[in-house]
């Protein structure tokens, strides 16, 4: 299936969860917020959020400055 992650379309296996995607990307400890098709997904729900073909995923981290 094809999904867009932070603006980049890639092919991923079917039945992929948001949790597994973030883990596979190697950014699990950096992601502070996530959205699937513009709907916020809480971290507690990542493992139950099954992605579908055409989904648009936004993964955000926060950088402090000063």
PDB file of N, CA and C in Angstrom:
ATOM      1  N   UNK A   1       0.848  -1.175   0.000  1.00  0.00           N
ATOM      2  CA  UNK A   1       0.000   0.000   0.000  1.00  0.00           C
ATOM      3  C   UNK A   1       0.890   1.234   0.000  1.00  0.00           C
ATOM      4  N   UNK A   2       0.368   2.325  -0.537  1.00  0.00           N
ATOM      5  CA  UNK A   2       1.101   3.583  -0.574  1.00  0.00           C
ATOM      6  C   UNK A   2       0.514   4.538   0.452  1.00  0.00           C
ATOM      7  N   UNK A   3       1.385   5.075   1.293  1.00  0.00           N
ATOM      8  CA  UNK A   3       0.958   6.101   2.240  1.00  0.00           C
ATOM      9  C   UNK A   3       1.969   7.244   2.200  1.00  0.00           C
ATOM     10  N   UNK A   4       1.488   8.412   2.557  1.00  0.00           N
ATOM     11  CA  UNK A   4       2.331   9.604   2.557  1.00  0.00           C
ATOM     12  C   UNK A   4       2.728   9.909   3.996  1.00  0.00           C
ATOM     13  N   UNK A   5       4.031   9.956   4.236  1.00  0.00           N
ATOM     14  CA  UNK A   5       4.555  10.257   5.564  1.00  0.00           C
ATOM     15  C   UNK A   5       5.341  11.558   5.477  1.00  0.00           C
ATOM     16  N   UNK A   6       4.851  12.574   6.164  1.00  0.00           N
ATOM     17  CA  UNK A   6       5.491  13.890   6.155  1.00  0.00           C
ATOM     18  C   UNK A   6       5.802  14.361   4.734  1.00  0.00           C
ATOM     19  N   UNK A   7       4.822  14.188   3.849  1.00  0.00           N
ATOM     20  CA  UNK A   7       4.922  14.701   2.490  1.00  0.00           C
ATOM     21  C   UNK A   7       5.565  13.774   1.477  1.00  0.00           C
ATOM     22  N   UNK A   8       6.073  12.626   1.909  1.00  0.00           N
ATOM     23  CA  UNK A   8       6.757  11.699   1.001  1.00  0.00           C
ATOM     24  C   UNK A   8       5.971  10.397   0.886  1.00  0.00           C
ATOM     25  N   UNK A   9       5.594  10.045  -0.352  1.00  0.00           N
ATOM     26  CA  UNK A   9       4.836   8.815  -0.589  1.00  0.00           C
ATOM     27  C   UNK A   9       5.805   7.641  -0.688  1.00  0.00           C
ATOM     28  N   UNK A  10       5.494   6.590   0.067  1.00  0.00           N
ATOM     29  CA  UNK A  10       6.289   5.365   0.025  1.00  0.00           C
ATOM     30  C   UNK A  10       5.358   4.170   0.073  1.00  0.00           C
ATOM     31  N   UNK A  11       5.899   3.019  -0.319  1.00  0.00           N
ATOM     32  CA  UNK A  11       5.124   1.781  -0.272  1.00  0.00           C
ATOM     33  C   UNK A  11       5.430   1.045   1.029  1.00  0.00           C
ATOM     34  N   UNK A  12       4.375   0.582   1.686  1.00  0.00           N
ATOM     35  CA  UNK A  12       4.483  -0.135   2.952  1.00  0.00           C
ATOM     36  C   UNK A  12       3.628  -1.394   2.886  1.00  0.00           C
ATOM     37  N   UNK A  13       3.922  -2.376   3.748  1.00  0.00           N
ATOM     38  CA  UNK A  13       3.112  -3.601   3.758  1.00  0.00           C
ATOM     39  C   UNK A  13       1.709  -3.343   4.302  1.00  0.00           C
ATOM     40  N   UNK A  14       0.761  -4.175   3.901  1.00  0.00           N
ATOM     41  CA  UNK A  14      -0.608  -4.083   4.423  1.00  0.00           C
ATOM     42  C   UNK A  14      -0.620  -4.384   5.921  1.00  0.00           C
ATOM     43  N   UNK A  15      -1.674  -3.937   6.582  1.00  0.00           N
ATOM     44  CA  UNK A  15      -1.893  -4.171   8.017  1.00  0.00           C
ATOM     45  C   UNK A  15      -0.808  -3.569   8.903  1.00  0.00           C
ATOM     46  N   UNK A  16      -0.182  -2.505   8.441  1.00  0.00           N
ATOM     47  CA  UNK A  16       0.841  -1.812   9.209  1.00  0.00           C
ATOM     48  C   UNK A  16       0.167  -0.898  10.227  1.00  0.00           C
ATOM     49  N   UNK A  17       0.636  -0.949  11.469  1.00  0.00           N
ATOM     50  CA  UNK A  17       0.103  -0.035  12.479  1.00  0.00           C
ATOM     51  C   UNK A  17       0.963   1.224  12.520  1.00  0.00           C
ATOM     52  N   UNK A  18       0.401   2.273  13.057  1.00  0.00           N
ATOM     53  CA  UNK A  18       1.149   3.518  13.207  1.00  0.00           C
ATOM     54  C   UNK A  18       2.365   3.283  14.095  1.00  0.00           C
ATOM     55  N   UNK A  19       2.206   2.502  15.146  1.00  0.00           N
ATOM     56  CA  UNK A  19       3.298   2.184  16.056  1.00  0.00           C
ATOM     57  C   UNK A  19       4.453   1.501  15.318  1.00  0.00           C
ATOM     58  N   UNK A  20       4.134   0.523  14.490  1.00  0.00           N
ATOM     59  CA  UNK A  20       5.158  -0.213  13.734  1.00  0.00           C
ATOM     60  C   UNK A  20       5.838   0.695  12.711  1.00  0.00           C
ATOM     61  N   UNK A  21       5.069   1.560  12.059  1.00  0.00           N
ATOM     62  CA  UNK A  21       5.644   2.504  11.102  1.00  0.00           C
ATOM     63  C   UNK A  21       6.672   3.398  11.788  1.00  0.00           C
ATOM     64  N   UNK A  22       6.285   3.980  12.910  1.00  0.00           N
ATOM     65  CA  UNK A  22       7.180   4.888  13.634  1.00  0.00           C
ATOM     66  C   UNK A  22       8.423   4.140  14.107  1.00  0.00           C
ATOM     67  N   UNK A  23       8.233   2.916  14.581  1.00  0.00           N
ATOM     68  CA  UNK A  23       9.356   2.085  15.017  1.00  0.00           C
ATOM     69  C   UNK A  23      10.283   1.772  13.843  1.00  0.00           C
ATOM     70  N   UNK A  24       9.716   1.386  12.707  1.00  0.00           N
ATOM     71  CA  UNK A  24      10.513   1.059  11.521  1.00  0.00           C
ATOM     72  C   UNK A  24      11.302   2.265  11.006  1.00  0.00           C
ATOM     73  N   UNK A  25      10.748   3.456  11.185  1.00  0.00           N
ATOM     74  CA  UNK A  25      11.436   4.674  10.754  1.00  0.00           C
ATOM     75  C   UNK A  25      12.570   5.055  11.709  1.00  0.00           C
ATOM     76  N   UNK A  26      12.620   4.398  12.873  1.00  0.00           N
ATOM     77  CA  UNK A  26      13.677   4.657  13.845  1.00  0.00           C
ATOM     78  C   UNK A  26      13.543   5.976  14.570  1.00  0.00           C
ATOM     79  N   UNK A  27      12.308   6.471  14.680  1.00  0.00           N
ATOM     80  CA  UNK A  27      12.105   7.782  15.303  1.00  0.00           C
ATOM     81  C   UNK A  27      11.127   7.722  16.478  1.00  0.00           C
ATOM     82  N   UNK A  28      10.916   6.527  17.012  1.00  0.00           N
ATOM     83  CA  UNK A  28       9.903   6.340  18.049  1.00  0.00           C
ATOM     84  C   UNK A  28      10.125   7.252  19.257  1.00  0.00           C
ATOM     85  N   UNK A  29      11.367   7.430  19.675  1.00  0.00           N
ATOM     86  CA  UNK A  29      11.628   8.260  20.848  1.00  0.00           C
ATOM     87  C   UNK A  29      11.634   9.755  20.527  1.00  0.00           C
ATOM     88  N   UNK A  30      11.517  10.126  19.252  1.00  0.00           N
ATOM     89  CA  UNK A  30      11.519  11.535  18.851  1.00  0.00           C
ATOM     90  C   UNK A  30      10.124  12.082  18.557  1.00  0.00           C
ATOM     91  N   UNK A  31       9.188  11.205  18.185  1.00  0.00           N
ATOM     92  CA  UNK A  31       7.858  11.661  17.779  1.00  0.00           C
ATOM     93  C   UNK A  31       7.056  12.087  19.004  1.00  0.00           C
ATOM     94  N   UNK A  32       6.578  13.316  18.970  1.00  0.00           N
ATOM     95  CA  UNK A  32       5.794  13.855  20.076  1.00  0.00           C
ATOM     96  C   UNK A  32       4.307  13.931  19.745  1.00  0.00           C
ATOM     97  N   UNK A  33       3.989  14.005  18.461  1.00  0.00           N
ATOM     98  CA  UNK A  33       2.589  14.094  18.037  1.00  0.00           C
ATOM     99  C   UNK A  33       2.455  13.431  16.676  1.00  0.00           C
ATOM    100  N   UNK A  34       1.269  12.855  16.449  1.00  0.00           N
ATOM    101  CA  UNK A  34       1.028  12.197  15.168  1.00  0.00           C
ATOM    102  C   UNK A  34      -0.398  12.464  14.721  1.00  0.00           C
ATOM    103  N   UNK A  35      -0.566  12.480  13.405  1.00  0.00           N
ATOM    104  CA  UNK A  35      -1.899  12.653  12.828  1.00  0.00           C
ATOM    105  C   UNK A  35      -2.026  11.734  11.622  1.00  0.00           C
ATOM    106  N   UNK A  36      -3.198  11.138  11.491  1.00  0.00           N
ATOM    107  CA  UNK A  36      -3.525  10.311  10.333  1.00  0.00           C
ATOM    108  C   UNK A  36      -4.716  10.970   9.657  1.00  0.00           C
ATOM    109  N   UNK A  37      -4.525  11.393   8.419  1.00  0.00           N
ATOM    110  CA  UNK A  37      -5.577  12.089   7.667  1.00  0.00           C
ATOM    111  C   UNK A  37      -6.133  13.276   8.457  1.00  0.00           C
ATOM    112  N   UNK A  38      -5.209  14.041   9.033  1.00  0.00           N
ATOM    113  CA  UNK A  38      -5.505  15.275   9.775  1.00  0.00           C
ATOM    114  C   UNK A  38      -6.257  15.039  11.087  1.00  0.00           C
ATOM    115  N   UNK A  39      -6.281  13.807  11.576  1.00  0.00           N
ATOM    116  CA  UNK A  39      -6.879  13.476  12.870  1.00  0.00           C
ATOM    117  C   UNK A  39      -5.750  13.083  13.822  1.00  0.00           C
ATOM    118  N   UNK A  40      -5.665  13.771  14.964  1.00  0.00           N
ATOM    119  CA  UNK A  40      -4.642  13.468  15.957  1.00  0.00           C
ATOM    120  C   UNK A  40      -4.821  12.040  16.465  1.00  0.00           C
ATOM    121  N   UNK A  41      -3.712  11.314  16.570  1.00  0.00           N
ATOM    122  CA  UNK A  41      -3.728   9.968  17.142  1.00  0.00           C
ATOM    123  C   UNK A  41      -2.834   9.997  18.381  1.00  0.00           C
ATOM    124  N   UNK A  42      -3.427   9.747  19.536  1.00  0.00           N
ATOM    125  CA  UNK A  42      -2.665   9.742  20.783  1.00  0.00           C
ATOM    126  C   UNK A  42      -1.697   8.570  20.800  1.00  0.00           C
ATOM    127  N   UNK A  43      -0.584   8.762  21.471  1.00  0.00           N
ATOM    128  CA  UNK A  43       0.453   7.736  21.548  1.00  0.00           C
ATOM    129  C   UNK A  43      -0.100   6.410  22.071  1.00  0.00           C
ATOM    130  N   UNK A  44      -1.032   6.459  22.996  1.00  0.00           N
ATOM    131  CA  UNK A  44      -1.649   5.241  23.546  1.00  0.00           C
ATOM    132  C   UNK A  44      -2.395   4.441  22.480  1.00  0.00           C
ATOM    133  N   UNK A  45      -2.772   5.080  21.373  1.00  0.00           N
ATOM    134  CA  UNK A  45      -3.555   4.423  20.321  1.00  0.00           C
ATOM    135  C   UNK A  45      -2.731   4.033  19.093  1.00  0.00           C
ATOM    136  N   UNK A  46      -1.436   4.285  19.112  1.00  0.00           N
ATOM    137  CA  UNK A  46      -0.603   3.980  17.952  1.00  0.00           C
ATOM    138  C   UNK A  46      -0.671   2.510  17.562  1.00  0.00           C
ATOM    139  N   UNK A  47      -0.655   1.617  18.545  1.00  0.00           N
ATOM    140  CA  UNK A  47      -0.610   0.182  18.226  1.00  0.00           C
ATOM    141  C   UNK A  47      -1.935  -0.342  17.681  1.00  0.00           C
ATOM    142  N   UNK A  48      -3.019   0.377  17.911  1.00  0.00           N
ATOM    143  CA  UNK A  48      -4.325  -0.063  17.395  1.00  0.00           C
ATOM    144  C   UNK A  48      -4.740   0.691  16.132  1.00  0.00           C
ATOM    145  N   UNK A  49      -3.922   1.645  15.704  1.00  0.00           N
ATOM    146  CA  UNK A  49      -4.220   2.441  14.507  1.00  0.00           C
ATOM    147  C   UNK A  49      -3.634   1.736  13.283  1.00  0.00           C
ATOM    148  N   UNK A  50      -4.488   1.020  12.550  1.00  0.00           N
ATOM    149  CA  UNK A  50      -4.052   0.290  11.359  1.00  0.00           C
ATOM    150  C   UNK A  50      -4.151   1.219  10.153  1.00  0.00           C
ATOM    151  N   UNK A  51      -3.041   1.379   9.466  1.00  0.00           N
ATOM    152  CA  UNK A  51      -2.979   2.294   8.331  1.00  0.00           C
ATOM    153  C   UNK A  51      -3.559   1.644   7.085  1.00  0.00           C
ATOM    154  N   UNK A  52      -4.096   2.512   6.208  1.00  0.00           N
ATOM    155  CA  UNK A  52      -4.720   2.049   4.969  1.00  0.00           C
ATOM    156  C   UNK A  52      -4.073   2.741   3.773  1.00  0.00           C
ATOM    157  N   UNK A  53      -4.206   2.120   2.608  1.00  0.00           N
ATOM    158  CA  UNK A  53      -3.691   2.685   1.374  1.00  0.00           C
ATOM    159  C   UNK A  53      -4.228   4.104   1.193  1.00  0.00           C
ATOM    160  N   UNK A  54      -3.340   5.037   0.898  1.00  0.00           N
ATOM    161  CA  UNK A  54      -3.736   6.416   0.660  1.00  0.00           C
ATOM    162  C   UNK A  54      -3.738   7.299   1.894  1.00  0.00           C
ATOM    163  N   UNK A  55      -3.464   6.723   3.079  1.00  0.00           N
ATOM    164  CA  UNK A  55      -3.431   7.536   4.295  1.00  0.00           C
ATOM    165  C   UNK A  55      -2.333   8.587   4.204  1.00  0.00           C
ATOM    166  N   UNK A  56      -2.566   9.694   4.886  1.00  0.00           N
ATOM    167  CA  UNK A  56      -1.584  10.771   4.978  1.00  0.00           C
ATOM    168  C   UNK A  56      -1.190  10.893   6.443  1.00  0.00           C
ATOM    169  N   UNK A  57       0.082  10.658   6.719  1.00  0.00           N
ATOM    170  CA  UNK A  57       0.600  10.630   8.078  1.00  0.00           C
ATOM    171  C   UNK A  57       1.497  11.843   8.301  1.00  0.00           C
ATOM    172  N   UNK A  58       1.290  12.512   9.412  1.00  0.00           N
ATOM    173  CA  UNK A  58       2.180  13.595   9.828  1.00  0.00           C
ATOM    174  C   UNK A  58       2.755  13.218  11.183  1.00  0.00           C
ATOM    175  N   UNK A  59       4.082  13.219  11.271  1.00  0.00           N
ATOM    176  CA  UNK A  59       4.784  12.904  12.507  1.00  0.00           C
ATOM    177  C   UNK A  59       5.578  14.134  12.912  1.00  0.00           C
ATOM    178  N   UNK A  60       5.353  14.606  14.122  1.00  0.00           N
ATOM    179  CA  UNK A  60       5.949  15.861  14.561  1.00  0.00           C
ATOM    180  C   UNK A  60       6.799  15.663  15.802  1.00  0.00           C
ATOM    181  N   UNK A  61       7.881  16.420  15.865  1.00  0.00           N
ATOM    182  CA  UNK A  61       8.641  16.514  17.101  1.00  0.00           C
ATOM    183  C   UNK A  61       8.753  17.997  17.430  1.00  0.00           C
ATOM    184  N   UNK A  62       9.060  18.279  18.657  1.00  0.00           N
ATOM    185  CA  UNK A  62       9.137  19.666  19.091  1.00  0.00           C
ATOM    186  C   UNK A  62      10.580  19.994  19.432  1.00  0.00           C
ATOM    187  N   UNK A  63      11.012  21.139  18.937  1.00  0.00           N
ATOM    188  CA  UNK A  63      12.370  21.588  19.175  1.00  0.00           C
ATOM    189  C   UNK A  63      12.302  22.871  19.981  1.00  0.00           C
ATOM    190  N   UNK A  64      12.979  22.868  21.102  1.00  0.00           N
ATOM    191  CA  UNK A  64      13.014  24.064  21.935  1.00  0.00           C
ATOM    192  C   UNK A  64      14.071  25.028  21.425  1.00  0.00           C
ATOM    193  N   UNK A  65      13.859  26.244  21.677  1.00  0.00           N
ATOM    194  CA  UNK A  65      14.824  27.251  21.259  1.00  0.00           C
ATOM    195  C   UNK A  65      14.870  28.364  22.289  1.00  0.00           C
ATOM    196  N   UNK A  66      15.773  29.249  22.068  1.00  0.00           N
ATOM    197  CA  UNK A  66      15.801  30.314  23.045  1.00  0.00           C
ATOM    198  C   UNK A  66      16.865  31.292  22.841  1.00  0.00           C
TER     199      UNK A  66
END
